[in-house]
Amino acid sequence: MKDINTIIQEKKPKPKLSNLIFAFIGGATVSVLGQFIMDMIVRYTDLSKSEAVTPMIIIIIALTCLLTGLGVYDKLATIFGAGLFIPITGFANSMCSSALESKHEGLVYGIGSNIFKLAGSVLVYGVVATYLVGVVRFIYENL
């Protein structure tokens, strides 16, 4: 009988250089697109660079939700992997996917109850981590 660690090592997927390269390309593409959108906002409005960040994020989230609804985001995520899931696009995709899966149950019991199903843990741990970092920073600055 095989040891459990031997079985795990046999079944564990082997890392591929191509996955790393595609994730880098996907993340870089999202970053370049965000920078392009922000530059266009600065150029064609009276907003400064720091003020243009919020509309740029909103546009990226809207594009992600549109691509998720059309079924394109999942195909892109299959190719680019973590490069698309790590940025804000992954968070937007998780919320839109949950909403789309539960829309047949109605607005309240379906979408309202399930929209944070995948993103809820991200929000909880994000808030907790932010609080802890804030406490550490407060203590450090007031020593």
N, C-alpha and C. Protein backbone atom coordinates (compact mmCIF):
# COMPACT_ATOMS: atom_id res chain seq x y z
N MET A 1 0.84 -1.17 0.00
CA MET A 1 0.00 0.00 0.00
C MET A 1 0.89 1.24 0.00
N LYS A 2 0.52 2.23 -0.84
CA LYS A 2 1.31 3.44 -0.97
C LYS A 2 1.06 4.39 0.19
N ASP A 3 2.10 5.12 0.52
CA ASP A 3 2.00 6.16 1.52
C ASP A 3 1.18 7.33 0.96
N ILE A 4 0.44 8.01 1.81
CA ILE A 4 -0.41 9.13 1.36
C ILE A 4 0.43 10.24 0.72
N ASN A 5 1.61 10.50 1.25
CA ASN A 5 2.48 11.53 0.68
C ASN A 5 2.95 11.16 -0.73
N THR A 6 3.18 9.89 -0.97
CA THR A 6 3.57 9.43 -2.31
C THR A 6 2.43 9.63 -3.29
N ILE A 7 1.22 9.33 -2.87
CA ILE A 7 0.05 9.50 -3.73
C ILE A 7 -0.16 10.98 -4.04
N ILE A 8 0.00 11.83 -3.02
CA ILE A 8 -0.16 13.27 -3.22
C ILE A 8 0.87 13.79 -4.23
N GLN A 9 2.11 13.36 -4.09
CA GLN A 9 3.16 13.81 -5.00
C GLN A 9 2.91 13.34 -6.43
N GLU A 10 2.34 12.15 -6.58
CA GLU A 10 2.03 11.65 -7.91
C GLU A 10 0.89 12.42 -8.57
N LYS A 11 -0.10 12.80 -7.79
CA LYS A 11 -1.29 13.47 -8.32
C LYS A 11 -1.15 14.98 -8.42
N LYS A 12 -0.20 15.55 -7.70
CA LYS A 12 -0.04 17.00 -7.69
C LYS A 12 0.37 17.50 -9.07
N PRO A 13 -0.34 18.54 -9.58
CA PRO A 13 0.01 19.03 -10.91
C PRO A 13 1.41 19.65 -10.92
N LYS A 14 2.11 19.40 -11.98
CA LYS A 14 3.46 19.94 -12.13
C LYS A 14 3.39 21.36 -12.66
N PRO A 15 4.15 22.29 -12.04
CA PRO A 15 4.14 23.67 -12.53
C PRO A 15 4.74 23.75 -13.92
N LYS A 16 4.12 24.59 -14.74
CA LYS A 16 4.59 24.76 -16.11
C LYS A 16 5.01 26.20 -16.31
N LEU A 17 6.07 26.38 -17.04
CA LEU A 17 6.56 27.72 -17.36
C LEU A 17 5.53 28.48 -18.19
N SER A 18 4.81 27.76 -19.06
CA SER A 18 3.81 28.43 -19.90
C SER A 18 2.69 29.05 -19.06
N ASN A 19 2.30 28.38 -17.95
CA ASN A 19 1.28 28.96 -17.07
C ASN A 19 1.75 30.27 -16.47
N LEU A 20 3.00 30.30 -16.06
CA LEU A 20 3.58 31.51 -15.50
C LEU A 20 3.61 32.64 -16.53
N ILE A 21 4.00 32.31 -17.73
CA ILE A 21 4.09 33.32 -18.80
C ILE A 21 2.71 33.86 -19.15
N PHE A 22 1.72 32.97 -19.29
CA PHE A 22 0.37 33.41 -19.62
C PHE A 22 -0.25 34.23 -18.49
N ALA A 23 0.01 33.85 -17.23
CA ALA A 23 -0.50 34.63 -16.10
C ALA A 23 0.12 36.02 -16.10
N PHE A 24 1.41 36.10 -16.41
CA PHE A 24 2.08 37.40 -16.47
C PHE A 24 1.48 38.25 -17.59
N ILE A 25 1.26 37.65 -18.75
CA ILE A 25 0.68 38.39 -19.88
C ILE A 25 -0.74 38.86 -19.53
N GLY A 26 -1.54 38.01 -18.90
CA GLY A 26 -2.90 38.40 -18.53
C GLY A 26 -2.93 39.55 -17.53
N GLY A 27 -2.12 39.44 -16.47
CA GLY A 27 -2.06 40.50 -15.48
C GLY A 27 -1.51 41.80 -16.06
N ALA A 28 -0.50 41.67 -16.93
CA ALA A 28 0.07 42.86 -17.57
C ALA A 28 -0.95 43.52 -18.49
N THR A 29 -1.74 42.73 -19.18
CA THR A 29 -2.76 43.28 -20.08
C THR A 29 -3.81 44.06 -19.30
N VAL A 30 -4.24 43.51 -18.17
CA VAL A 30 -5.20 44.22 -17.33
C VAL A 30 -4.60 45.53 -16.83
N SER A 31 -3.33 45.48 -16.43
CA SER A 31 -2.66 46.68 -15.93
C SER A 31 -2.52 47.74 -17.01
N VAL A 32 -2.11 47.32 -18.20
CA VAL A 32 -1.95 48.27 -19.31
C VAL A 32 -3.30 48.85 -19.71
N LEU A 33 -4.33 48.03 -19.74
CA LEU A 33 -5.67 48.52 -20.05
C LEU A 33 -6.13 49.54 -19.01
N GLY A 34 -5.90 49.25 -17.74
CA GLY A 34 -6.25 50.19 -16.69
C GLY A 34 -5.50 51.51 -16.82
N GLN A 35 -4.21 51.42 -17.13
CA GLN A 35 -3.43 52.65 -17.31
C GLN A 35 -3.92 53.44 -18.51
N PHE A 36 -4.26 52.75 -19.60
CA PHE A 36 -4.78 53.43 -20.79
C PHE A 36 -6.09 54.14 -20.47
N ILE A 37 -6.99 53.45 -19.78
CA ILE A 37 -8.27 54.05 -19.42
C ILE A 37 -8.05 55.27 -18.53
N MET A 38 -7.14 55.15 -17.56
CA MET A 38 -6.87 56.27 -16.67
C MET A 38 -6.27 57.45 -17.43
N ASP A 39 -5.37 57.18 -18.36
CA ASP A 39 -4.78 58.26 -19.17
C ASP A 39 -5.85 58.95 -20.02
N MET A 40 -6.79 58.19 -20.56
CA MET A 40 -7.86 58.79 -21.36
C MET A 40 -8.79 59.64 -20.49
N ILE A 41 -9.04 59.17 -19.28
CA ILE A 41 -9.87 59.95 -18.37
C ILE A 41 -9.19 61.27 -18.03
N VAL A 42 -7.90 61.22 -17.75
CA VAL A 42 -7.15 62.44 -17.42
C VAL A 42 -7.12 63.38 -18.62
N ARG A 43 -6.92 62.81 -19.81
CA ARG A 43 -6.81 63.63 -21.01
C ARG A 43 -8.13 64.32 -21.37
N TYR A 44 -9.23 63.61 -21.28
CA TYR A 44 -10.51 64.13 -21.78
C TYR A 44 -11.44 64.68 -20.71
N THR A 45 -11.01 64.68 -19.46
CA THR A 45 -11.80 65.30 -18.39
C THR A 45 -10.89 66.25 -17.62
N ASP A 46 -11.44 66.90 -16.64
CA ASP A 46 -10.63 67.80 -15.83
C ASP A 46 -10.17 67.12 -14.53
N LEU A 47 -10.15 65.80 -14.51
CA LEU A 47 -9.73 65.07 -13.32
C LEU A 47 -8.21 64.92 -13.29
N SER A 48 -7.65 64.93 -12.09
CA SER A 48 -6.22 64.67 -11.93
C SER A 48 -5.99 63.16 -11.97
N LYS A 49 -4.72 62.75 -11.97
CA LYS A 49 -4.42 61.31 -11.98
C LYS A 49 -4.97 60.61 -10.75
N SER A 50 -4.83 61.24 -9.60
CA SER A 50 -5.34 60.59 -8.38
C SER A 50 -6.86 60.52 -8.37
N GLU A 51 -7.53 61.48 -9.00
CA GLU A 51 -8.99 61.45 -9.07
C GLU A 51 -9.50 60.49 -10.14
N ALA A 52 -8.66 60.18 -11.13
CA ALA A 52 -9.07 59.31 -12.24
C ALA A 52 -9.01 57.84 -11.89
N VAL A 53 -8.43 57.51 -10.74
CA VAL A 53 -8.31 56.10 -10.36
C VAL A 53 -9.69 55.47 -10.15
N THR A 54 -10.57 56.15 -9.44
CA THR A 54 -11.89 55.58 -9.13
C THR A 54 -12.70 55.30 -10.39
N PRO A 55 -12.83 56.26 -11.35
CA PRO A 55 -13.58 55.91 -12.56
C PRO A 55 -12.92 54.79 -13.37
N MET A 56 -11.59 54.73 -13.34
CA MET A 56 -10.89 53.65 -14.05
C MET A 56 -11.25 52.30 -13.46
N ILE A 57 -11.27 52.20 -12.13
CA ILE A 57 -11.62 50.94 -11.48
C ILE A 57 -13.06 50.57 -11.79
N ILE A 58 -13.95 51.55 -11.78
CA ILE A 58 -15.35 51.28 -12.10
C ILE A 58 -15.49 50.75 -13.53
N ILE A 59 -14.75 51.32 -14.46
CA ILE A 59 -14.80 50.87 -15.85
C ILE A 59 -14.25 49.46 -15.98
N ILE A 60 -13.15 49.16 -15.30
CA ILE A 60 -12.57 47.81 -15.35
C ILE A 60 -13.56 46.80 -14.77
N ILE A 61 -14.21 47.15 -13.67
CA ILE A 61 -15.21 46.25 -13.06
C ILE A 61 -16.38 46.04 -14.01
N ALA A 62 -16.85 47.12 -14.64
CA ALA A 62 -17.98 47.01 -15.58
C ALA A 62 -17.60 46.14 -16.77
N LEU A 63 -16.40 46.31 -17.30
CA LEU A 63 -15.95 45.47 -18.43
C LEU A 63 -15.86 44.00 -18.01
N THR A 64 -15.37 43.75 -16.81
CA THR A 64 -15.28 42.38 -16.32
C THR A 64 -16.66 41.76 -16.18
N CYS A 65 -17.61 42.52 -15.64
CA CYS A 65 -18.97 42.01 -15.50
C CYS A 65 -19.61 41.75 -16.86
N LEU A 66 -19.36 42.64 -17.82
CA LEU A 66 -19.88 42.43 -19.16
C LEU A 66 -19.29 41.18 -19.79
N LEU A 67 -17.97 41.00 -19.68
CA LEU A 67 -17.33 39.81 -20.24
C LEU A 67 -17.77 38.54 -19.52
N THR A 68 -18.03 38.64 -18.21
CA THR A 68 -18.54 37.49 -17.46
C THR A 68 -19.94 37.11 -17.95
N GLY A 69 -20.78 38.11 -18.11
CA GLY A 69 -22.15 37.86 -18.58
C GLY A 69 -22.20 37.28 -19.98
N LEU A 70 -21.25 37.67 -20.82
CA LEU A 70 -21.19 37.14 -22.18
C LEU A 70 -20.49 35.79 -22.27
N GLY A 71 -19.89 35.34 -21.17
CA GLY A 71 -19.19 34.06 -21.16
C GLY A 71 -17.78 34.12 -21.69
N VAL A 72 -17.27 35.31 -21.93
CA VAL A 72 -15.93 35.47 -22.49
C VAL A 72 -14.87 35.41 -21.39
N TYR A 73 -15.18 35.95 -20.21
CA TYR A 73 -14.19 36.02 -19.14
C TYR A 73 -13.70 34.64 -18.74
N ASP A 74 -14.60 33.66 -18.66
CA ASP A 74 -14.20 32.31 -18.27
C ASP A 74 -13.23 31.71 -19.27
N LYS A 75 -13.44 31.99 -20.55
CA LYS A 75 -12.52 31.48 -21.58
C LYS A 75 -11.15 32.14 -21.45
N LEU A 76 -11.16 33.45 -21.19
CA LEU A 76 -9.89 34.17 -21.00
C LEU A 76 -9.19 33.68 -19.74
N ALA A 77 -9.95 33.44 -18.67
CA ALA A 77 -9.35 32.99 -17.41
C ALA A 77 -8.75 31.59 -17.54
N THR A 78 -9.32 30.78 -18.41
CA THR A 78 -8.75 29.46 -18.66
C THR A 78 -7.36 29.59 -19.27
N ILE A 79 -7.18 30.59 -20.10
CA ILE A 79 -5.88 30.79 -20.75
C ILE A 79 -4.90 31.51 -19.83
N PHE A 80 -5.35 32.61 -19.21
CA PHE A 80 -4.44 33.49 -18.47
C PHE A 80 -4.40 33.22 -16.97
N GLY A 81 -5.27 32.38 -16.46
CA GLY A 81 -5.22 31.93 -15.07
C GLY A 81 -5.16 33.04 -14.04
N ALA A 82 -4.19 32.94 -13.14
CA ALA A 82 -4.07 33.86 -12.01
C ALA A 82 -3.84 35.29 -12.44
N GLY A 83 -3.37 35.50 -13.65
CA GLY A 83 -3.17 36.86 -14.14
C GLY A 83 -4.46 37.65 -14.21
N LEU A 84 -5.59 36.96 -14.37
CA LEU A 84 -6.88 37.64 -14.39
C LEU A 84 -7.62 37.54 -13.06
N PHE A 85 -7.28 36.55 -12.24
CA PHE A 85 -8.00 36.39 -10.98
C PHE A 85 -7.44 37.21 -9.84
N ILE A 86 -6.18 37.56 -9.91
CA ILE A 86 -5.56 38.29 -8.81
C ILE A 86 -6.02 39.75 -8.76
N PRO A 87 -6.07 40.47 -9.88
CA PRO A 87 -6.49 41.88 -9.80
C PRO A 87 -7.98 42.02 -9.46
N ILE A 88 -8.48 43.21 -9.49
CA ILE A 88 -9.87 43.52 -9.17
C ILE A 88 -10.82 42.76 -10.09
N THR A 89 -10.34 42.33 -11.24
CA THR A 89 -11.19 41.61 -12.18
C THR A 89 -11.66 40.28 -11.61
N GLY A 90 -10.83 39.62 -10.84
CA GLY A 90 -11.23 38.35 -10.23
C GLY A 90 -12.35 38.53 -9.23
N PHE A 91 -12.27 39.61 -8.46
CA PHE A 91 -13.32 39.92 -7.49
C PHE A 91 -14.64 40.23 -8.20
N ALA A 92 -14.57 41.05 -9.25
CA ALA A 92 -15.77 41.39 -10.01
C ALA A 92 -16.37 40.15 -10.66
N ASN A 93 -15.53 39.28 -11.19
CA ASN A 93 -16.00 38.06 -11.81
C ASN A 93 -16.70 37.16 -10.80
N SER A 94 -16.16 37.04 -9.59
CA SER A 94 -16.79 36.17 -8.59
C SER A 94 -18.17 36.68 -8.20
N MET A 95 -18.32 37.99 -8.09
CA MET A 95 -19.63 38.54 -7.73
C MET A 95 -20.62 38.39 -8.88
N CYS A 96 -20.19 38.68 -10.10
CA CYS A 96 -21.10 38.56 -11.25
C CYS A 96 -21.49 37.11 -11.50
N SER A 97 -20.55 36.20 -11.34
CA SER A 97 -20.86 34.78 -11.53
C SER A 97 -21.91 34.31 -10.54
N SER A 98 -21.74 34.71 -9.28
CA SER A 98 -22.72 34.32 -8.26
C SER A 98 -24.09 34.90 -8.56
N ALA A 99 -24.12 36.15 -9.01
CA ALA A 99 -25.39 36.79 -9.34
C ALA A 99 -26.05 36.09 -10.52
N LEU A 100 -25.28 35.75 -11.54
CA LEU A 100 -25.84 35.09 -12.71
C LEU A 100 -26.36 33.69 -12.39
N GLU A 101 -25.64 32.97 -11.53
CA GLU A 101 -26.06 31.62 -11.18
C GLU A 101 -27.36 31.60 -10.37
N SER A 102 -27.62 32.65 -9.60
CA SER A 102 -28.78 32.63 -8.72
C SER A 102 -29.91 33.57 -9.16
N LYS A 103 -29.82 34.11 -10.36
CA LYS A 103 -30.84 35.07 -10.80
C LYS A 103 -32.21 34.43 -10.97
N HIS A 104 -32.27 33.14 -11.25
CA HIS A 104 -33.56 32.48 -11.42
C HIS A 104 -34.35 32.37 -10.12
N GLU A 105 -33.69 32.58 -8.98
CA GLU A 105 -34.36 32.51 -7.68
C GLU A 105 -34.96 33.85 -7.27
N GLY A 106 -34.75 34.88 -8.06
CA GLY A 106 -35.32 36.19 -7.77
C GLY A 106 -34.28 37.16 -7.25
N LEU A 107 -34.71 38.43 -7.11
CA LEU A 107 -33.78 39.47 -6.69
C LEU A 107 -33.34 39.34 -5.23
N VAL A 108 -34.27 39.03 -4.34
CA VAL A 108 -33.94 38.99 -2.92
C VAL A 108 -33.34 37.65 -2.53
N TYR A 109 -34.08 36.56 -2.76
CA TYR A 109 -33.61 35.23 -2.33
C TYR A 109 -32.53 34.68 -3.25
N GLY A 110 -32.46 35.16 -4.45
CA GLY A 110 -31.44 34.67 -5.37
C GLY A 110 -30.21 35.53 -5.36
N ILE A 111 -30.28 36.65 -6.07
CA ILE A 111 -29.12 37.52 -6.23
C ILE A 111 -28.70 38.13 -4.89
N GLY A 112 -29.66 38.70 -4.16
CA GLY A 112 -29.33 39.36 -2.90
C GLY A 112 -28.71 38.43 -1.87
N SER A 113 -29.16 37.19 -1.83
CA SER A 113 -28.65 36.24 -0.84
C SER A 113 -27.35 35.57 -1.27
N ASN A 114 -27.12 35.48 -2.55
CA ASN A 114 -25.98 34.69 -3.04
C ASN A 114 -24.87 35.48 -3.70
N ILE A 115 -25.02 36.78 -3.87
CA ILE A 115 -24.02 37.54 -4.63
C ILE A 115 -22.65 37.53 -3.94
N PHE A 116 -22.63 37.44 -2.61
CA PHE A 116 -21.36 37.43 -1.89
C PHE A 116 -20.90 36.03 -1.53
N LYS A 117 -21.50 35.03 -2.15
CA LYS A 117 -21.16 33.64 -1.82
C LYS A 117 -19.67 33.38 -2.01
N LEU A 118 -19.13 33.75 -3.16
CA LEU A 118 -17.71 33.54 -3.42
C LEU A 118 -16.86 34.68 -2.88
N ALA A 119 -17.37 35.90 -2.92
CA ALA A 119 -16.58 37.07 -2.55
C ALA A 119 -16.65 37.38 -1.06
N GLY A 120 -17.56 36.75 -0.33
CA GLY A 120 -17.73 37.06 1.08
C GLY A 120 -16.47 36.83 1.90
N SER A 121 -15.80 35.71 1.66
CA SER A 121 -14.58 35.44 2.43
C SER A 121 -13.49 36.45 2.11
N VAL A 122 -13.42 36.89 0.87
CA VAL A 122 -12.44 37.91 0.49
C VAL A 122 -12.72 39.20 1.25
N LEU A 123 -13.98 39.57 1.32
CA LEU A 123 -14.34 40.79 2.06
C LEU A 123 -14.03 40.66 3.55
N VAL A 124 -14.41 39.55 4.14
CA VAL A 124 -14.19 39.37 5.58
C VAL A 124 -12.70 39.42 5.90
N TYR A 125 -11.90 38.63 5.20
CA TYR A 125 -10.47 38.60 5.51
C TYR A 125 -9.77 39.89 5.08
N GLY A 126 -10.28 40.55 4.07
CA GLY A 126 -9.73 41.85 3.69
C GLY A 126 -9.96 42.89 4.77
N VAL A 127 -11.17 42.92 5.32
CA VAL A 127 -11.48 43.87 6.39
C VAL A 127 -10.67 43.55 7.64
N VAL A 128 -10.59 42.28 8.00
CA VAL A 128 -9.82 41.88 9.19
C VAL A 128 -8.34 42.22 9.02
N ALA A 129 -7.78 41.90 7.86
CA ALA A 129 -6.37 42.19 7.62
C ALA A 129 -6.11 43.70 7.63
N THR A 130 -7.01 44.47 7.04
CA THR A 130 -6.86 45.92 7.04
C THR A 130 -6.91 46.46 8.46
N TYR A 131 -7.81 45.95 9.26
CA TYR A 131 -7.91 46.38 10.66
C TYR A 131 -6.62 46.06 11.41
N LEU A 132 -6.11 44.84 11.24
CA LEU A 132 -4.89 44.46 11.95
C LEU A 132 -3.69 45.29 11.51
N VAL A 133 -3.57 45.55 10.22
CA VAL A 133 -2.48 46.39 9.73
C VAL A 133 -2.63 47.81 10.28
N GLY A 134 -3.86 48.31 10.36
CA GLY A 134 -4.10 49.63 10.92
C GLY A 134 -3.72 49.71 12.39
N VAL A 135 -4.02 48.67 13.15
CA VAL A 135 -3.65 48.64 14.57
C VAL A 135 -2.13 48.62 14.72
N VAL A 136 -1.46 47.79 13.94
CA VAL A 136 0.00 47.73 13.99
C VAL A 136 0.60 49.07 13.61
N ARG A 137 0.09 49.68 12.58
CA ARG A 137 0.60 50.98 12.15
C ARG A 137 0.36 52.05 13.23
N PHE A 138 -0.82 52.03 13.82
CA PHE A 138 -1.12 52.99 14.89
C PHE A 138 -0.14 52.83 16.05
N ILE A 139 0.09 51.59 16.47
CA ILE A 139 1.01 51.33 17.56
C ILE A 139 2.43 51.77 17.18
N TYR A 140 2.85 51.44 15.98
CA TYR A 140 4.21 51.78 15.52
C TYR A 140 4.41 53.28 15.46
N GLU A 141 3.43 54.03 14.97
CA GLU A 141 3.56 55.48 14.83
C GLU A 141 3.45 56.20 16.16
N ASN A 142 2.85 55.59 17.16
CA ASN A 142 2.66 56.25 18.44
C ASN A 142 3.63 55.76 19.52
N LEU A 143 4.66 55.07 19.14
CA LEU A 143 5.67 54.64 20.12
C LEU A 143 6.64 55.73 20.43
